[in-house]
Amino acid sequence: MQTSSESSLTPVRQEISDASEQAGAADERELTGGGDSYRWTALSVTTVGALLASIQGSALLIALPAILVELRASFFTIMWTLMGYLLILTVLTPIVGRLADIWGRKRLYNSGFLLFALGSLVAGLAQPAFHGADLVAGRLIQGLGAALLMTNSTAIVTDAFRKGEVGLGLGINQIAGAAGFLIGPIIGGLLTEWSWRWVFLFNVPLATFGTLWGIWRLREPVRPARQTPIDWVGGLTLALGLSGTLLALTMVAFPLLGESATVAILIVGLLSLLLFATIEPRIKAPIVQLQLFRERLFAMASLSGLLNGIARGAVLFLLIFFLQGPYGKDPLTAGLMLAPFGAAFMIIGPLSGRLSDHIGSRILTPIGLAVSALGLLGLTTITPTTPFWLLSLYMAMMGGGSGFFVSPNTNAIMSSVPPHQRGAASGLLGMLNNTGQMLSIAIVFPLALKGVPMGAVMQVFIYGGGMGQFPSALATFMHGLHSAFLVSFVLSLAAMLVAALRPSHR
């Protein structure tokens, strides 16, 4: 029974509700840019960015031996060429996401193209006198550009597609990433025959085209909150905390400094994260929108994404080690043999994304993680004599399961937040996924490589061709590899359980 005061408030509440619905409809019209054609235009721009980043990643693996020889770089410098990029990408995505909501997605996305081109130029012109230091610097600049591209692309696609079609857009966008992963080894092999420098320099015209295409065709459908103050203190403590913690944990797998220095970096990182957690809830406009985690769907989807990142983040690296070591393949052949993973991901991703628009993510995501977990379980049984068709089946299960999970999970996260917070949500999503990958490397690599001589690790990862020079290390490596895949399998099951506990989303 209503009191008189409650009764008098009913018309007001109804008026507020009606106004909210009208605002939502206005937002929907604004986001689609006044016509259906813009969604495909936005998708074409983000596709260029996805291709750029994915081709670079898989092509670079093929060029590493030539880079190592010409630059006279150490193995650890080469590894930090890969890890530095991922570290800067992880640290900056949540900050970039929030800045996109304040400054606008279009200008930051186009700036990402320019920075990626600059980083590619610096890396491609690296000189032997610096022994790879300038190469690492170029990769860090690339990582900054990639953070701007990847964080904003998810928000741009979500903005452009209407409700009920977001999964379709996100799924199609995944095709570009998977296609780049598939053709990257071929491009890397062909360009390295000419010069490894072109693996980087070929990005420059692509990024230039992407910049011009984005300036010409992209819109700013969501009005930026330019009057919002920027939480520089929160951004600094978060960046320092993530950098220190992840850098120290990664150096467990790839030591760059002494033990005391690593411990000091870890302490600084943890204290910075503690400071961030203390002050951020008191900031009126925080750099990281922690209140998003109060929404159960957002929180559960983000946690399952983090666990999935930890479960499979190092798997492709481990497969490269296996294919170039016990399986005896050269880097180019090993890169091409990873095709079943990328092909399955490319086929399943758009289908699951579209399906999630109709039935939500609660059913699809645990199914995808279960299939991926079965693929990981199969990988715990592989040996140097495992037929390639069976290895391909396990990789396809992993790739297909990941594709079945990623699109619906991203759809659930991005659709659960209002338009003016999609940049922040995309940044948090990217941070958690990339953090999962780095934690995976820190956890899984020591398991896989424990007891394997560093000479064997360097020979296998850089040059491939088998482990004939290190016969005693073969059994040790296979035992560690099986243990690493088993840990990944258990983590994938944990991600599946969390995904199954999420609320319904349609």
Protein backbone atom coordinates (compact mmCIF):
# COMPACT_ATOMS: atom_id res chain seq x y z
CA MET A 1 0.00 0.00 0.00
CA GLN A 2 1.41 3.37 -0.99
CA THR A 3 1.65 6.28 1.41
CA SER A 4 0.43 9.68 0.28
CA SER A 5 3.99 10.89 -0.26
CA GLU A 6 4.83 7.83 -2.36
CA SER A 7 1.66 8.33 -4.37
CA SER A 8 2.58 11.93 -5.09
CA LEU A 9 6.02 10.85 -6.33
CA THR A 10 4.68 8.30 -8.81
CA PRO A 11 4.08 10.78 -11.67
CA VAL A 12 7.56 12.20 -11.11
CA ARG A 13 9.12 8.75 -11.27
CA GLN A 14 7.16 7.97 -14.42
CA GLU A 15 8.33 11.24 -15.98
CA ILE A 16 11.96 10.44 -15.14
CA SER A 17 11.56 6.93 -16.56
CA ASP A 18 10.04 8.29 -19.78
CA ALA A 19 12.81 10.85 -20.10
CA SER A 20 15.41 8.13 -19.60
CA GLU A 21 13.85 5.98 -22.31
CA GLN A 22 13.74 8.95 -24.70
CA ALA A 23 17.39 9.74 -23.95
CA GLY A 24 18.28 6.11 -24.60
CA ALA A 25 16.48 6.21 -27.92
CA ALA A 26 18.27 9.45 -28.79
CA ASP A 27 21.58 7.85 -27.87
CA GLU A 28 20.74 4.90 -30.09
CA ARG A 29 20.01 7.16 -33.05
CA GLU A 30 23.16 9.14 -32.36
CA LEU A 31 25.36 6.07 -32.05
CA THR A 32 24.36 4.65 -35.39
CA GLY A 33 25.26 7.92 -37.03
CA GLY A 34 21.85 8.37 -38.58
CA GLY A 35 22.05 5.34 -40.88
CA ASP A 36 23.02 1.67 -41.07
CA SER A 37 25.89 2.30 -43.48
CA TYR A 38 28.10 3.87 -40.80
CA ARG A 39 28.45 0.61 -38.88
CA TRP A 40 30.23 -1.00 -41.84
CA THR A 41 32.37 2.09 -42.31
CA ALA A 42 33.44 1.99 -38.65
CA LEU A 43 34.10 -1.72 -38.97
CA SER A 44 36.33 -1.16 -42.02
CA VAL A 45 38.47 1.35 -40.10
CA THR A 46 38.89 -0.91 -37.07
CA THR A 47 39.67 -3.84 -39.37
CA VAL A 48 42.79 -2.07 -40.62
CA GLY A 49 44.01 -1.65 -37.04
CA ALA A 50 43.30 -5.29 -36.14
CA LEU A 51 45.14 -6.51 -39.24
CA LEU A 52 48.11 -4.28 -38.49
CA ALA A 53 48.60 -5.57 -34.94
CA SER A 54 47.96 -9.26 -35.67
CA ILE A 55 50.16 -9.48 -38.77
CA GLN A 56 53.00 -7.78 -36.91
CA GLY A 57 52.83 -10.25 -34.03
CA SER A 58 53.06 -13.48 -36.01
CA ALA A 59 55.39 -12.10 -38.71
CA LEU A 60 57.90 -10.92 -36.10
CA LEU A 61 58.38 -14.47 -34.76
CA ILE A 62 59.70 -15.53 -38.18
CA ALA A 63 62.16 -12.61 -38.35
CA LEU A 64 63.74 -13.12 -34.91
CA PRO A 65 66.76 -15.22 -36.05
CA ALA A 66 67.79 -12.62 -38.65
CA ILE A 67 67.29 -9.80 -36.12
CA LEU A 68 69.39 -11.61 -33.52
CA VAL A 69 72.31 -12.08 -35.92
CA GLU A 70 72.37 -8.65 -37.56
CA LEU A 71 71.86 -6.58 -34.40
CA ARG A 72 74.19 -8.79 -32.33
CA ALA A 73 71.49 -8.80 -29.66
CA SER A 74 71.20 -11.16 -26.69
CA PHE A 75 68.41 -13.70 -26.30
CA PHE A 76 66.88 -11.67 -23.47
CA THR A 77 66.86 -8.52 -25.61
CA ILE A 78 64.95 -10.45 -28.25
CA MET A 79 62.48 -11.75 -25.67
CA TRP A 80 61.93 -8.23 -24.32
CA THR A 81 61.23 -7.13 -27.88
CA LEU A 82 58.14 -9.30 -27.51
CA MET A 83 57.41 -8.79 -23.80
CA GLY A 84 57.95 -5.01 -23.70
CA TYR A 85 55.22 -4.53 -26.30
CA LEU A 86 52.76 -6.62 -24.28
CA LEU A 87 53.69 -4.86 -21.03
CA ILE A 88 53.09 -1.34 -22.34
CA LEU A 89 49.84 -2.51 -23.96
CA THR A 90 48.63 -3.96 -20.65
CA VAL A 91 49.54 -0.93 -18.55
CA LEU A 92 48.03 1.72 -20.81
CA THR A 93 44.72 0.20 -21.96
CA PRO A 94 42.65 1.17 -18.87
CA ILE A 95 44.04 4.72 -18.94
CA VAL A 96 43.47 5.06 -22.68
CA GLY A 97 39.92 3.77 -22.30
CA ARG A 98 39.03 6.45 -19.77
CA LEU A 99 40.73 9.20 -21.77
CA ALA A 100 38.71 8.12 -24.82
CA ASP A 101 35.49 8.81 -22.91
CA ILE A 102 36.81 12.29 -22.02
CA TRP A 103 38.67 13.34 -25.18
CA GLY A 104 36.85 11.29 -27.81
CA ARG A 105 37.53 7.92 -29.42
CA LYS A 106 38.21 9.13 -32.96
CA ARG A 107 41.22 11.32 -32.25
CA LEU A 108 42.85 8.75 -29.96
CA TYR A 109 42.25 5.91 -32.42
CA ASN A 110 43.83 7.86 -35.28
CA SER A 111 46.73 8.85 -33.01
CA GLY A 112 47.28 5.14 -32.46
CA PHE A 113 47.91 4.63 -36.17
CA LEU A 114 50.49 7.42 -36.18
CA LEU A 115 52.33 6.08 -33.13
CA PHE A 116 52.32 2.55 -34.53
CA ALA A 117 53.87 3.87 -37.73
CA LEU A 118 56.50 5.81 -35.75
CA GLY A 119 57.37 2.76 -33.64
CA SER A 120 57.63 0.61 -36.75
CA LEU A 121 60.00 3.13 -38.31
CA VAL A 122 62.23 3.22 -35.22
CA ALA A 123 62.32 -0.60 -34.98
CA GLY A 124 62.89 -1.04 -38.71
CA LEU A 125 65.89 1.31 -38.66
CA ALA A 126 67.52 -0.28 -35.56
CA GLN A 127 71.33 -0.30 -35.71
CA PRO A 128 73.81 -3.02 -34.60
CA ALA A 129 75.72 -0.46 -32.49
CA PHE A 130 72.84 -0.44 -29.96
CA HIS A 131 72.53 -4.27 -29.78
CA GLY A 132 68.74 -4.17 -29.97
CA ALA A 133 68.05 -1.37 -27.45
CA ASP A 134 66.59 0.86 -30.18
CA LEU A 135 64.54 -2.11 -31.41
CA VAL A 136 62.98 -2.49 -27.95
CA ALA A 137 62.31 1.28 -27.88
CA GLY A 138 60.51 1.03 -31.21
CA ARG A 139 58.42 -1.86 -29.92
CA LEU A 140 57.42 0.16 -26.84
CA ILE A 141 56.21 2.98 -29.10
CA GLN A 142 54.32 0.37 -31.13
CA GLY A 143 52.76 -0.85 -27.87
CA LEU A 144 51.53 2.66 -27.10
CA GLY A 145 50.00 2.91 -30.57
CA ALA A 146 48.44 -0.55 -30.21
CA ALA A 147 46.90 0.45 -26.85
CA LEU A 148 45.20 3.41 -28.54
CA LEU A 149 44.01 1.24 -31.44
CA MET A 150 42.82 -1.85 -29.61
CA THR A 151 41.10 -0.09 -26.70
CA ASN A 152 39.15 2.25 -28.94
CA SER A 153 38.29 -0.25 -31.67
CA THR A 154 36.02 -2.29 -29.39
CA ALA A 155 34.22 0.85 -28.22
CA ILE A 156 33.94 2.20 -31.79
CA VAL A 157 32.34 -1.02 -33.04
CA THR A 158 29.97 -1.13 -30.05
CA ASP A 159 28.98 2.50 -30.66
CA ALA A 160 28.35 1.93 -34.36
CA PHE A 161 26.17 -1.19 -34.12
CA ARG A 162 22.68 -1.07 -32.72
CA LYS A 163 21.60 -3.10 -29.73
CA GLY A 164 21.04 -6.67 -30.81
CA GLU A 165 23.80 -6.45 -33.45
CA VAL A 166 26.88 -5.70 -31.34
CA GLY A 167 27.95 -9.36 -31.27
CA LEU A 168 27.85 -9.46 -35.06
CA GLY A 169 30.16 -6.45 -35.32
CA LEU A 170 32.59 -7.73 -32.70
CA GLY A 171 32.65 -11.17 -34.30
CA ILE A 172 33.41 -9.80 -37.75
CA ASN A 173 36.13 -7.62 -36.29
CA GLN A 174 37.76 -10.79 -34.96
CA ILE A 175 38.10 -12.12 -38.52
CA ALA A 176 40.70 -9.44 -39.23
CA GLY A 177 42.73 -10.39 -36.16
CA ALA A 178 42.61 -14.10 -36.97
CA ALA A 179 43.36 -13.51 -40.66
CA GLY A 180 46.39 -11.40 -39.72
CA PHE A 181 47.61 -14.16 -37.43
CA LEU A 182 47.27 -16.67 -40.29
CA ILE A 183 49.02 -14.68 -43.02
CA GLY A 184 51.62 -13.13 -40.69
CA PRO A 185 54.10 -16.05 -40.96
CA ILE A 186 53.86 -16.00 -44.75
CA ILE A 187 54.44 -12.25 -44.92
CA GLY A 188 57.20 -12.52 -42.33
CA GLY A 189 58.93 -15.29 -44.28
CA LEU A 190 58.74 -13.44 -47.58
CA LEU A 191 59.88 -10.08 -46.16
CA THR A 192 62.71 -11.64 -44.14
CA GLU A 193 64.12 -13.14 -47.34
CA TRP A 194 64.60 -9.54 -48.48
CA SER A 195 65.37 -7.97 -45.09
CA TRP A 196 63.94 -8.40 -41.60
CA ARG A 197 63.60 -4.59 -41.48
CA TRP A 198 60.63 -4.77 -43.84
CA VAL A 199 58.68 -6.77 -41.26
CA PHE A 200 58.46 -3.42 -39.44
CA LEU A 201 58.68 -0.96 -42.32
CA PHE A 202 55.74 -2.45 -44.21
CA ASN A 203 53.53 -1.23 -41.33
CA VAL A 204 54.26 2.41 -42.16
CA PRO A 205 52.16 2.70 -45.36
CA LEU A 206 49.39 0.58 -43.82
CA ALA A 207 49.24 2.77 -40.72
CA THR A 208 49.34 5.93 -42.84
CA PHE A 209 46.38 4.66 -44.86
CA GLY A 210 44.54 3.79 -41.64
CA THR A 211 45.12 7.29 -40.27
CA LEU A 212 43.76 8.99 -43.39
CA TRP A 213 40.83 6.57 -43.65
CA GLY A 214 39.96 7.12 -39.99
CA ILE A 215 40.18 10.91 -40.22
CA TRP A 216 37.94 10.89 -43.28
CA ARG A 217 35.37 8.28 -42.31
CA LEU A 218 35.17 7.91 -38.52
CA ARG A 219 32.63 9.91 -36.53
CA GLU A 220 32.42 10.81 -32.86
CA PRO A 221 28.94 9.43 -32.11
CA VAL A 222 29.16 9.75 -28.32
CA ARG A 223 29.66 13.28 -27.05
CA PRO A 224 32.99 13.34 -25.11
CA ALA A 225 32.84 14.44 -21.46
CA ARG A 226 35.50 17.11 -21.97
CA GLN A 227 34.63 18.95 -18.75
CA THR A 228 35.46 15.87 -16.68
CA PRO A 229 38.73 16.30 -14.74
CA ILE A 230 41.46 13.76 -15.46
CA ASP A 231 42.61 11.63 -12.56
CA TRP A 232 46.36 11.84 -13.16
CA VAL A 233 47.24 10.53 -9.70
CA GLY A 234 45.16 7.41 -10.24
CA GLY A 235 46.61 6.92 -13.71
CA LEU A 236 50.18 7.28 -12.46
CA THR A 237 49.79 4.90 -9.50
CA LEU A 238 48.00 2.32 -11.66
CA ALA A 239 50.63 2.50 -14.41
CA LEU A 240 53.47 2.25 -11.89
CA GLY A 241 51.75 -0.57 -10.01
CA LEU A 242 50.95 -2.69 -13.07
CA SER A 243 54.37 -2.04 -14.63
CA GLY A 244 56.30 -2.98 -11.51
CA THR A 245 54.25 -6.04 -10.62
CA LEU A 246 54.04 -7.53 -14.11
CA LEU A 247 57.65 -6.65 -14.95
CA ALA A 248 58.90 -8.42 -11.82
CA LEU A 249 56.73 -11.49 -12.39
CA THR A 250 57.79 -11.70 -16.04
CA MET A 251 61.45 -11.54 -15.05
CA VAL A 252 60.90 -14.81 -13.20
CA ALA A 253 60.58 -16.42 -16.63
CA PHE A 254 63.02 -14.14 -18.49
CA PRO A 255 65.55 -12.71 -16.00
CA LEU A 256 66.90 -9.35 -17.03
CA LEU A 257 68.17 -8.07 -13.66
CA GLY A 258 69.43 -9.64 -10.46
CA GLU A 259 67.16 -11.16 -7.82
CA SER A 260 67.41 -8.17 -5.45
CA ALA A 261 66.49 -5.71 -8.21
CA THR A 262 63.54 -7.88 -9.25
CA VAL A 263 62.25 -8.02 -5.67
CA ALA A 264 62.62 -4.23 -5.34
CA ILE A 265 60.61 -3.68 -8.54
CA LEU A 266 57.92 -6.05 -7.27
CA ILE A 267 57.67 -4.19 -3.94
CA VAL A 268 57.34 -0.83 -5.70
CA GLY A 269 54.65 -2.28 -7.96
CA LEU A 270 52.62 -3.81 -5.13
CA LEU A 271 52.84 -0.66 -2.99
CA SER A 272 51.70 1.45 -5.96
CA LEU A 273 48.72 -0.86 -6.53
CA LEU A 274 47.87 -0.62 -2.83
CA LEU A 275 48.05 3.19 -3.02
CA PHE A 276 45.86 3.14 -6.13
CA ALA A 277 43.27 0.93 -4.41
CA THR A 278 43.27 3.28 -1.40
CA ILE A 279 42.86 6.62 -3.16
CA GLU A 280 40.81 5.68 -6.25
CA PRO A 281 37.45 5.16 -4.48
CA ARG A 282 37.78 8.69 -3.06
CA ILE A 283 38.26 10.35 -6.45
CA LYS A 284 35.14 12.01 -7.88
CA ALA A 285 36.02 11.14 -11.50
CA PRO A 286 38.47 8.20 -11.25
CA ILE A 287 40.67 7.09 -14.15
CA VAL A 288 39.36 3.52 -13.70
CA GLN A 289 35.61 3.19 -13.28
CA LEU A 290 35.71 0.60 -10.48
CA GLN A 291 31.97 0.97 -9.94
CA LEU A 292 31.47 -0.97 -13.17
CA PHE A 293 32.36 -4.11 -11.23
CA ARG A 294 29.24 -3.63 -9.09
CA GLU A 295 27.31 -4.90 -12.08
CA ARG A 296 27.43 -8.69 -11.66
CA LEU A 297 27.42 -9.44 -15.37
CA PHE A 298 30.35 -7.10 -15.99
CA ALA A 299 32.29 -8.48 -13.02
CA MET A 300 31.78 -12.18 -13.87
CA ALA A 301 32.47 -11.68 -17.58
CA SER A 302 35.66 -9.74 -16.77
CA LEU A 303 36.86 -12.41 -14.32
CA SER A 304 36.24 -15.24 -16.79
CA GLY A 305 38.15 -13.23 -19.41
CA LEU A 306 41.09 -12.80 -17.03
CA LEU A 307 41.17 -16.52 -16.20
CA ASN A 308 40.92 -17.43 -19.87
CA GLY A 309 43.84 -15.10 -20.61
CA ILE A 310 45.94 -16.83 -17.94
CA ALA A 311 44.90 -20.25 -19.26
CA ARG A 312 45.82 -19.71 -22.91
CA GLY A 313 48.11 -16.66 -22.92
CA ALA A 314 51.32 -18.70 -23.18
CA VAL A 315 49.95 -21.64 -25.14
CA LEU A 316 50.97 -20.39 -28.58
CA PHE A 317 54.49 -19.68 -27.31
CA LEU A 318 54.65 -23.21 -25.90
CA LEU A 319 53.44 -24.65 -29.20
CA ILE A 320 56.14 -22.69 -31.03
CA PHE A 321 58.73 -24.22 -28.69
CA PHE A 322 57.28 -27.68 -29.27
CA LEU A 323 57.08 -27.38 -33.05
CA GLN A 324 60.57 -25.92 -33.41
CA GLY A 325 62.08 -28.22 -30.78
CA PRO A 326 60.79 -31.79 -30.36
CA TYR A 327 58.85 -31.61 -33.65
CA GLY A 328 61.97 -30.40 -35.48
CA LYS A 329 60.51 -27.62 -37.67
CA ASP A 330 62.03 -24.32 -38.76
CA PRO A 331 60.37 -21.04 -37.63
CA LEU A 332 58.46 -20.45 -40.88
CA THR A 333 57.05 -23.98 -40.99
CA ALA A 334 56.17 -23.83 -37.29
CA GLY A 335 54.34 -20.55 -37.82
CA LEU A 336 52.33 -22.02 -40.68
CA MET A 337 51.52 -25.13 -38.64
CA LEU A 338 49.67 -22.94 -36.12
CA ALA A 339 47.07 -22.24 -38.82
CA PRO A 340 44.38 -24.59 -37.37
CA PHE A 341 44.14 -22.41 -34.26
CA GLY A 342 43.68 -19.16 -36.20
CA ALA A 343 41.38 -20.71 -38.82
CA ALA A 344 39.00 -22.14 -36.23
CA PHE A 345 38.98 -18.85 -34.32
CA MET A 346 38.23 -16.93 -37.54
CA ILE A 347 35.34 -19.20 -38.51
CA ILE A 348 33.67 -19.55 -35.11
CA GLY A 349 34.13 -15.99 -33.77
CA PRO A 350 31.62 -14.19 -36.03
CA LEU A 351 29.06 -17.01 -35.70
CA SER A 352 29.18 -17.01 -31.91
CA GLY A 353 29.08 -13.21 -31.86
CA ARG A 354 25.93 -13.15 -33.94
CA LEU A 355 24.40 -15.95 -31.87
CA SER A 356 25.07 -14.00 -28.68
CA ASP A 357 22.89 -11.17 -30.03
CA HIS A 358 19.94 -13.57 -29.88
CA ILE A 359 20.52 -15.86 -26.91
CA GLY A 360 23.05 -13.94 -24.80
CA SER A 361 26.38 -15.10 -23.43
CA ARG A 362 25.46 -17.27 -20.44
CA ILE A 363 25.24 -20.49 -22.47
CA LEU A 364 27.82 -19.76 -25.15
CA THR A 365 30.79 -18.72 -23.02
CA PRO A 366 31.02 -21.84 -20.80
CA ILE A 367 30.58 -24.06 -23.86
CA GLY A 368 33.45 -22.27 -25.62
CA LEU A 369 35.70 -22.57 -22.57
CA ALA A 370 34.83 -26.26 -22.19
CA VAL A 371 35.84 -26.98 -25.80
CA SER A 372 39.04 -24.99 -25.33
CA ALA A 373 39.77 -26.91 -22.12
CA LEU A 374 39.38 -30.24 -23.95
CA GLY A 375 41.88 -29.03 -26.54
CA LEU A 376 44.33 -28.16 -23.75
CA LEU A 377 43.80 -31.57 -22.17
CA GLY A 378 44.66 -33.15 -25.49
CA LEU A 379 47.89 -31.12 -25.66
CA THR A 380 49.03 -32.70 -22.37
CA THR A 381 49.45 -35.99 -24.30
CA ILE A 382 51.46 -34.83 -27.34
CA THR A 383 54.88 -36.29 -28.12
CA PRO A 384 57.48 -35.73 -30.88
CA THR A 385 55.75 -38.53 -32.85
CA THR A 386 52.17 -37.23 -32.53
CA PRO A 387 50.66 -37.09 -36.05
CA PHE A 388 50.00 -33.55 -37.25
CA TRP A 389 46.30 -34.24 -37.91
CA LEU A 390 45.80 -34.97 -34.21
CA LEU A 391 47.83 -31.93 -33.17
CA SER A 392 45.73 -29.86 -35.59
CA LEU A 393 42.56 -31.17 -33.96
CA TYR A 394 43.71 -30.06 -30.52
CA MET A 395 44.71 -26.63 -31.85
CA ALA A 396 41.39 -26.25 -33.70
CA MET A 397 39.49 -27.11 -30.51
CA MET A 398 41.45 -24.46 -28.66
CA GLY A 399 40.96 -21.86 -31.39
CA GLY A 400 37.30 -22.68 -31.96
CA GLY A 401 36.56 -22.72 -28.24
CA SER A 402 38.29 -19.36 -27.80
CA GLY A 403 36.32 -17.91 -30.70
CA PHE A 404 33.11 -19.28 -29.17
CA PHE A 405 33.98 -17.52 -25.89
CA VAL A 406 35.57 -14.19 -26.83
CA SER A 407 32.84 -12.59 -28.99
CA PRO A 408 29.90 -13.30 -26.63
CA ASN A 409 31.99 -12.35 -23.59
CA THR A 410 33.03 -9.03 -25.13
CA ASN A 411 29.44 -8.43 -26.22
CA ALA A 412 28.24 -9.01 -22.64
CA ILE A 413 30.81 -6.60 -21.18
CA MET A 414 30.31 -3.81 -23.69
CA SER A 415 26.51 -4.08 -23.73
CA SER A 416 26.27 -3.93 -19.94
CA VAL A 417 27.62 -0.37 -19.69
CA PRO A 418 26.17 2.99 -20.87
CA PRO A 419 27.67 4.60 -24.01
CA HIS A 420 29.66 7.25 -22.12
CA GLN A 421 31.53 4.51 -20.20
CA ARG A 422 32.33 2.16 -23.07
CA GLY A 423 35.86 3.46 -23.42
CA ALA A 424 36.50 2.73 -19.75
CA ALA A 425 34.92 -0.73 -20.09
CA SER A 426 36.99 -1.53 -23.17
CA GLY A 427 40.14 -0.39 -21.36
CA LEU A 428 39.42 -2.62 -18.37
CA LEU A 429 38.67 -5.53 -20.69
CA GLY A 430 41.98 -5.05 -22.52
CA MET A 431 43.91 -4.65 -19.26
CA LEU A 432 42.52 -7.89 -17.81
CA ASN A 433 43.08 -9.89 -21.00
CA ASN A 434 46.66 -8.68 -21.40
CA THR A 435 47.37 -9.10 -17.69
CA GLY A 436 46.19 -12.68 -18.06
CA GLN A 437 48.62 -13.25 -20.91
CA MET A 438 51.58 -11.84 -18.97
CA LEU A 439 50.67 -13.83 -15.85
CA SER A 440 50.38 -16.91 -18.04
CA ILE A 441 53.94 -16.44 -19.28
CA ALA A 442 55.19 -15.83 -15.73
CA ILE A 443 53.42 -18.94 -14.41
CA VAL A 444 53.68 -21.41 -17.29
CA PHE A 445 57.12 -20.75 -18.80
CA PRO A 446 59.11 -21.62 -15.66
CA LEU A 447 57.15 -24.89 -15.50
CA ALA A 448 57.84 -25.74 -19.15
CA LEU A 449 61.51 -24.71 -19.23
CA LYS A 450 62.64 -25.79 -15.76
CA GLY A 451 65.87 -27.77 -16.10
CA VAL A 452 66.27 -27.00 -19.83
CA PRO A 453 69.69 -25.41 -20.59
CA MET A 454 69.49 -21.79 -21.77
CA GLY A 455 71.47 -22.74 -24.86
CA ALA A 456 68.75 -25.20 -25.82
CA VAL A 457 66.00 -22.64 -25.18
CA MET A 458 67.73 -20.07 -27.37
CA GLN A 459 68.48 -22.58 -30.15
CA VAL A 460 64.91 -23.89 -30.24
CA PHE A 461 63.04 -20.58 -30.03
CA ILE A 462 65.23 -18.57 -32.38
CA TYR A 463 66.37 -21.12 -34.96
CA GLY A 464 64.22 -24.22 -34.55
CA GLY A 465 65.24 -27.39 -36.35
CA GLY A 466 64.92 -29.81 -33.43
CA MET A 467 66.80 -30.60 -30.24
CA GLY A 468 69.44 -32.91 -31.72
CA GLN A 469 72.23 -30.91 -30.08
CA PHE A 470 70.57 -31.30 -26.66
CA PRO A 471 69.25 -34.89 -26.48
CA SER A 472 69.30 -34.97 -22.66
CA ALA A 473 67.01 -31.91 -22.53
CA LEU A 474 64.24 -33.46 -24.63
CA ALA A 475 62.63 -35.56 -21.87
CA THR A 476 62.90 -32.68 -19.38
CA PHE A 477 61.25 -30.27 -21.79
CA MET A 478 58.40 -32.67 -22.67
CA HIS A 479 57.65 -33.28 -18.98
CA GLY A 480 57.59 -29.53 -18.30
CA LEU A 481 55.45 -28.91 -21.40
CA HIS A 482 52.83 -31.43 -20.28
CA SER A 483 52.76 -29.87 -16.80
CA ALA A 484 52.29 -26.40 -18.29
CA PHE A 485 49.40 -27.54 -20.50
CA LEU A 486 47.80 -29.29 -17.50
CA VAL A 487 47.90 -26.08 -15.45
CA SER A 488 46.33 -24.22 -18.40
CA PHE A 489 43.61 -26.89 -18.58
CA VAL A 490 42.73 -26.42 -14.89
CA LEU A 491 42.63 -22.63 -15.27
CA SER A 492 40.35 -22.99 -18.29
CA LEU A 493 37.95 -25.10 -16.20
CA ALA A 494 37.95 -22.36 -13.53
CA ALA A 495 37.13 -19.77 -16.22
CA MET A 496 34.30 -22.02 -17.44
CA LEU A 497 32.82 -22.23 -13.94
CA VAL A 498 32.90 -18.45 -13.49
CA ALA A 499 31.34 -17.94 -16.94
CA ALA A 500 28.51 -20.32 -16.06
CA LEU A 501 27.67 -18.35 -12.89
CA ARG A 502 27.04 -15.06 -14.71
CA PRO A 503 23.49 -13.69 -14.95
CA SER A 504 21.56 -13.91 -18.19
CA HIS A 505 22.36 -11.38 -20.90
CA ARG A 506 20.51 -10.77 -24.12
